[in-house]
């Protein structure tokens, strides 16, 4: 099986579902999809397995492939995040992710100041210093890579495996912001300094300063992008059956 055909099928079907072109509750046959996309049924079967793992579809006997409602989606998966940030609902998606980051990352920085190994704390300081140099030079791609490393390292250094598992999600958010043109060519000096402040506080074992500096980073991020979702309504969601305590 050609991996490129498989990837193309996953990408095409995933984007159709996220965009609403294939709405929740609709059903399609694997044969029809194979003919439409010009691939074999085995390619479609493998693509469906991927989409099932993301909570986007289910296979129903005698019906075919049924699209699931958003309540079933694995919304923190980096691939799903990338699709949503590329679609018409990018504002609401960016709002949700930014609010999540603002809730989690200051707490992670506080914990990192308590629990990060010395070598990790030193690495954070090195990355923050490199970010300032690269940011001033205007190398946005390299800066993005360093920024992703920095935030992933803080999450991991917290010693909380739940926080650490969010690193892929945050990487997808930061890449999405760059792709959408929401990152300045030259990051603001205050933002560069705040990353150094986080690293210094973690190395200095100062939880309160680490939390405050990371909270300041998240506040700046919110202020920079909140215009994107200014007109986006919020939708209350009901927990799925069996999820209530």
Protein backbone atom coordinates (compact mmCIF):
# COMPACT_ATOMS: atom_id res chain seq x y z
CA UNK A 1 0.00 0.00 0.00
CA UNK A 2 1.32 3.43 -0.92
CA UNK A 3 1.75 5.55 2.20
CA UNK A 4 1.19 8.68 0.12
CA UNK A 5 -2.21 7.39 -1.04
CA UNK A 6 -3.08 6.48 2.53
CA UNK A 7 -2.02 9.90 3.84
CA UNK A 8 -3.96 11.65 1.08
CA UNK A 9 -7.11 9.67 1.89
CA UNK A 10 -6.80 10.44 5.62
CA UNK A 11 -6.19 14.13 4.93
CA UNK A 12 -9.06 14.46 2.46
CA UNK A 13 -11.62 12.66 4.58
CA UNK A 14 -10.48 14.33 7.80
CA UNK A 15 -10.79 17.80 6.32
CA UNK A 16 -14.23 17.02 4.88
CA UNK A 17 -15.48 15.93 8.28
CA UNK A 18 -13.98 18.88 10.16
CA UNK A 19 -15.38 21.35 7.62
CA UNK A 20 -18.86 19.84 7.81
CA UNK A 21 -18.86 18.75 4.19
CA UNK A 22 -19.45 15.28 5.64
CA UNK A 23 -21.80 16.21 8.51
CA UNK A 24 -22.33 14.25 11.70
CA UNK A 25 -24.72 11.36 11.15
CA UNK A 26 -24.05 11.05 7.45
CA UNK A 27 -22.83 7.73 6.07
CA UNK A 28 -20.75 6.79 3.05
CA UNK A 29 -19.68 3.51 1.55
CA UNK A 30 -16.02 2.52 1.34
CA UNK A 31 -16.54 1.57 -2.30
CA UNK A 32 -17.89 5.01 -3.15
CA UNK A 33 -15.00 6.73 -1.37
CA UNK A 34 -12.47 4.51 -3.11
CA UNK A 35 -13.94 5.35 -6.52
CA UNK A 36 -14.16 9.06 -5.77
CA UNK A 37 -10.59 9.35 -4.48
CA UNK A 38 -9.13 6.96 -7.01
CA UNK A 39 -7.66 4.59 -4.44
CA UNK A 40 -8.20 0.97 -3.45
CA UNK A 41 -10.64 -0.15 -0.80
CA UNK A 42 -7.71 -1.29 1.32
CA UNK A 43 -6.43 2.30 1.36
CA UNK A 44 -9.85 3.49 2.49
CA UNK A 45 -10.00 0.82 5.20
CA UNK A 46 -6.67 1.93 6.61
CA UNK A 47 -7.70 5.59 6.42
CA UNK A 48 -10.93 4.80 8.26
CA UNK A 49 -8.94 3.11 11.04
CA UNK A 50 -6.99 6.33 11.54
CA UNK A 51 -10.17 8.43 11.55
CA UNK A 52 -11.77 6.01 14.02
CA UNK A 53 -8.81 6.49 16.36
CA UNK A 54 -9.54 10.23 16.24
CA UNK A 55 -13.21 9.70 17.07
CA UNK A 56 -14.36 11.06 13.70
CA UNK A 57 -16.11 8.00 12.26
CA UNK A 58 -17.37 4.55 13.05
CA UNK A 59 -18.00 1.53 10.85
CA UNK A 60 -21.60 0.35 10.94
CA UNK A 61 -22.64 -2.99 9.49
CA UNK A 62 -24.84 -2.65 6.40
CA UNK A 63 -24.63 1.14 6.61
CA UNK A 64 -20.99 1.91 5.90
CA UNK A 65 -18.82 4.60 7.45
CA UNK A 66 -20.79 6.94 9.69
CA UNK A 67 -19.52 10.38 10.70
CA UNK A 68 -19.60 11.01 14.45
CA UNK A 69 -20.61 14.20 16.23
CA UNK A 70 -17.94 16.56 17.57
CA UNK A 71 -18.53 15.29 21.11
CA UNK A 72 -16.70 12.10 20.11
CA UNK A 73 -13.63 13.78 18.60
CA UNK A 74 -10.20 13.43 20.20
CA UNK A 75 -9.90 17.18 20.27
CA UNK A 76 -6.35 17.30 21.70
CA UNK A 77 -4.84 15.22 18.91
CA UNK A 78 -2.31 17.34 16.95
CA UNK A 79 -3.61 16.19 13.56
CA UNK A 80 -7.18 17.08 14.42
CA UNK A 81 -6.05 20.45 15.78
CA UNK A 82 -4.21 21.18 12.52
CA UNK A 83 -7.33 20.42 10.50
CA UNK A 84 -9.52 22.58 12.70
CA UNK A 85 -7.09 25.50 12.55
CA UNK A 86 -7.15 25.26 8.75
CA UNK A 87 -10.95 25.34 8.57
CA UNK A 88 -13.69 27.91 8.93
CA UNK A 89 -13.96 27.36 12.69
CA UNK A 90 -10.33 28.28 13.35
CA UNK A 91 -11.30 31.17 15.63
CA UNK A 92 -13.26 29.03 18.07
CA UNK A 93 -10.54 26.37 17.96
CA UNK A 94 -7.79 28.89 18.67
CA UNK A 95 -9.83 30.35 21.53
CA UNK A 96 -10.31 26.95 23.16
CA UNK A 97 -6.65 26.02 22.84
CA UNK A 98 -5.37 29.39 24.05
CA UNK A 99 -7.65 29.29 27.08
CA UNK A 100 -6.47 25.76 27.82
CA UNK A 101 -2.83 26.81 27.56
CA UNK A 102 -3.42 29.77 29.86
CA UNK A 103 -4.94 27.46 32.46
CA UNK A 104 -2.28 24.75 32.29
CA UNK A 105 1.10 26.27 31.44
CA UNK A 106 1.49 28.62 34.44
CA UNK A 107 0.75 25.65 36.73
CA UNK A 108 3.27 23.54 34.80
CA UNK A 109 5.93 26.23 35.19
CA UNK A 110 5.28 26.38 38.95
CA UNK A 111 5.66 22.61 39.24
CA UNK A 112 8.78 22.66 37.05
CA UNK A 113 10.39 25.09 39.47
CA UNK A 114 9.81 22.52 42.20
CA UNK A 115 10.65 19.32 40.35
CA UNK A 116 12.75 19.90 37.21
CA UNK A 117 16.14 18.15 37.21
CA UNK A 118 19.07 20.56 37.16
CA UNK A 119 20.03 19.52 33.63
CA UNK A 120 16.53 20.27 32.35
CA UNK A 121 16.48 23.66 34.07
CA UNK A 122 19.81 24.50 32.45
CA UNK A 123 18.52 23.38 29.05
CA UNK A 124 15.50 25.66 29.42
CA UNK A 125 17.77 28.62 30.07
CA UNK A 126 19.85 27.76 27.00
CA UNK A 127 16.75 27.52 24.80
CA UNK A 128 15.36 30.81 26.12
CA UNK A 129 18.64 32.58 25.39
CA UNK A 130 18.72 31.07 21.90
CA UNK A 131 15.12 32.15 21.34
CA UNK A 132 16.06 35.76 22.08
CA UNK A 133 18.96 35.64 19.62
CA UNK A 134 16.95 33.93 16.87
CA UNK A 135 13.90 36.12 17.48
CA UNK A 136 15.88 39.31 17.10
CA UNK A 137 17.35 37.96 13.86
CA UNK A 138 13.87 37.37 12.43
CA UNK A 139 14.32 33.65 11.72
CA UNK A 140 10.69 32.77 12.37
CA UNK A 141 10.93 29.07 11.48
CA UNK A 142 13.84 28.43 13.84
CA UNK A 143 12.18 30.53 16.52
CA UNK A 144 9.00 28.45 16.22
CA UNK A 145 10.99 25.22 16.68
CA UNK A 146 12.70 26.60 19.79
CA UNK A 147 9.42 27.93 21.17
CA UNK A 148 7.83 24.48 20.80
CA UNK A 149 10.83 22.87 22.52
CA UNK A 150 10.67 25.38 25.37
CA UNK A 151 7.00 24.90 26.18
CA UNK A 152 7.18 21.12 25.77
CA UNK A 153 10.15 21.00 28.14
CA UNK A 154 8.31 23.05 30.78
CA UNK A 155 5.33 20.70 30.56
CA UNK A 156 7.56 17.65 30.89
CA UNK A 157 9.62 19.18 33.69
CA UNK A 158 6.45 19.61 35.76
CA UNK A 159 6.58 15.92 36.61
CA UNK A 160 2.89 15.66 35.72
CA UNK A 161 2.33 13.12 32.94
CA UNK A 162 -0.99 14.72 32.00
CA UNK A 163 0.69 18.06 31.38
CA UNK A 164 3.54 16.37 29.51
CA UNK A 165 1.03 14.65 27.20
CA UNK A 166 -0.15 18.08 26.03
CA UNK A 167 3.15 18.95 24.36
CA UNK A 168 2.00 17.68 20.94
CA UNK A 169 -1.14 19.79 21.18
CA UNK A 170 0.81 22.94 22.01
CA UNK A 171 3.22 22.27 19.15
CA UNK A 172 0.24 22.06 16.78
CA UNK A 173 -1.11 25.36 18.13
CA UNK A 174 2.19 27.19 17.69
CA UNK A 175 2.65 25.82 14.16
CA UNK A 176 -0.93 26.82 13.36
CA UNK A 177 -0.35 30.38 14.56
CA UNK A 178 2.68 30.67 12.30
CA UNK A 179 0.80 29.21 9.33
CA UNK A 180 -2.08 31.64 9.89
CA UNK A 181 0.30 34.60 10.00
CA UNK A 182 -0.40 35.29 13.67
CA UNK A 183 3.24 35.39 14.72
CA UNK A 184 5.21 38.63 14.35
CA UNK A 185 8.33 38.57 12.20
CA UNK A 186 10.30 39.81 15.19
CA UNK A 187 8.89 38.66 18.56
CA UNK A 188 8.41 41.46 21.06
CA UNK A 189 11.29 42.03 23.44
CA UNK A 190 8.97 41.61 26.40
CA UNK A 191 7.97 38.14 25.20
CA UNK A 192 11.61 37.15 24.71
CA UNK A 193 12.50 38.36 28.19
CA UNK A 194 9.54 36.57 29.76
CA UNK A 195 10.77 33.22 28.42
CA UNK A 196 14.12 33.91 30.05
CA UNK A 197 12.31 34.90 33.26
CA UNK A 198 10.49 31.55 33.29
CA UNK A 199 13.75 29.65 32.79
CA UNK A 200 15.59 31.66 35.44
CA UNK A 201 12.78 31.13 37.95
CA UNK A 202 12.73 27.39 37.28
CA UNK A 203 16.50 27.15 37.63
CA UNK A 204 16.32 29.26 40.79
CA UNK A 205 13.60 27.05 42.28
CA UNK A 206 11.16 29.96 42.56
CA UNK A 207 7.66 28.52 41.85
CA UNK A 208 5.78 31.80 42.29
CA UNK A 209 8.00 33.70 39.85
CA UNK A 210 7.87 30.84 37.36
CA UNK A 211 4.08 30.82 37.44
CA UNK A 212 3.85 34.61 37.18
CA UNK A 213 6.24 34.81 34.22
CA UNK A 214 4.45 32.04 32.33
CA UNK A 215 1.10 33.63 33.09
CA UNK A 216 2.44 36.87 31.61
CA UNK A 217 3.45 34.97 28.45
CA UNK A 218 -0.03 33.51 28.16
CA UNK A 219 -1.66 36.90 28.78
CA UNK A 220 0.41 38.39 25.94
CA UNK A 221 -0.55 35.49 23.68
CA UNK A 222 -4.23 35.99 24.47
CA UNK A 223 -4.04 39.71 23.74
CA UNK A 224 -2.31 39.07 20.39
CA UNK A 225 -4.86 36.62 19.00
CA UNK A 226 -8.21 37.19 20.72
CA UNK A 227 -9.42 39.40 17.84
CA UNK A 228 -9.54 36.23 15.73
CA UNK A 229 -12.48 34.83 17.70
CA UNK A 230 -14.23 38.07 18.70
CA UNK A 231 -17.39 37.15 16.77
CA UNK A 232 -17.31 33.40 17.41
CA UNK A 233 -20.19 32.16 19.60
CA UNK A 234 -19.62 29.66 22.37
CA UNK A 235 -21.55 26.40 22.42
CA UNK A 236 -22.43 24.63 25.66
CA UNK A 237 -21.68 20.92 25.46
CA UNK A 238 -23.44 18.07 27.23
CA UNK A 239 -21.21 15.27 28.55
CA UNK A 240 -21.44 11.98 26.68
CA UNK A 241 -23.45 9.18 28.36
CA UNK A 242 -21.38 7.42 30.98
CA UNK A 243 -18.96 10.31 31.58
CA UNK A 244 -20.74 11.86 34.55
CA UNK A 245 -19.30 11.14 37.99
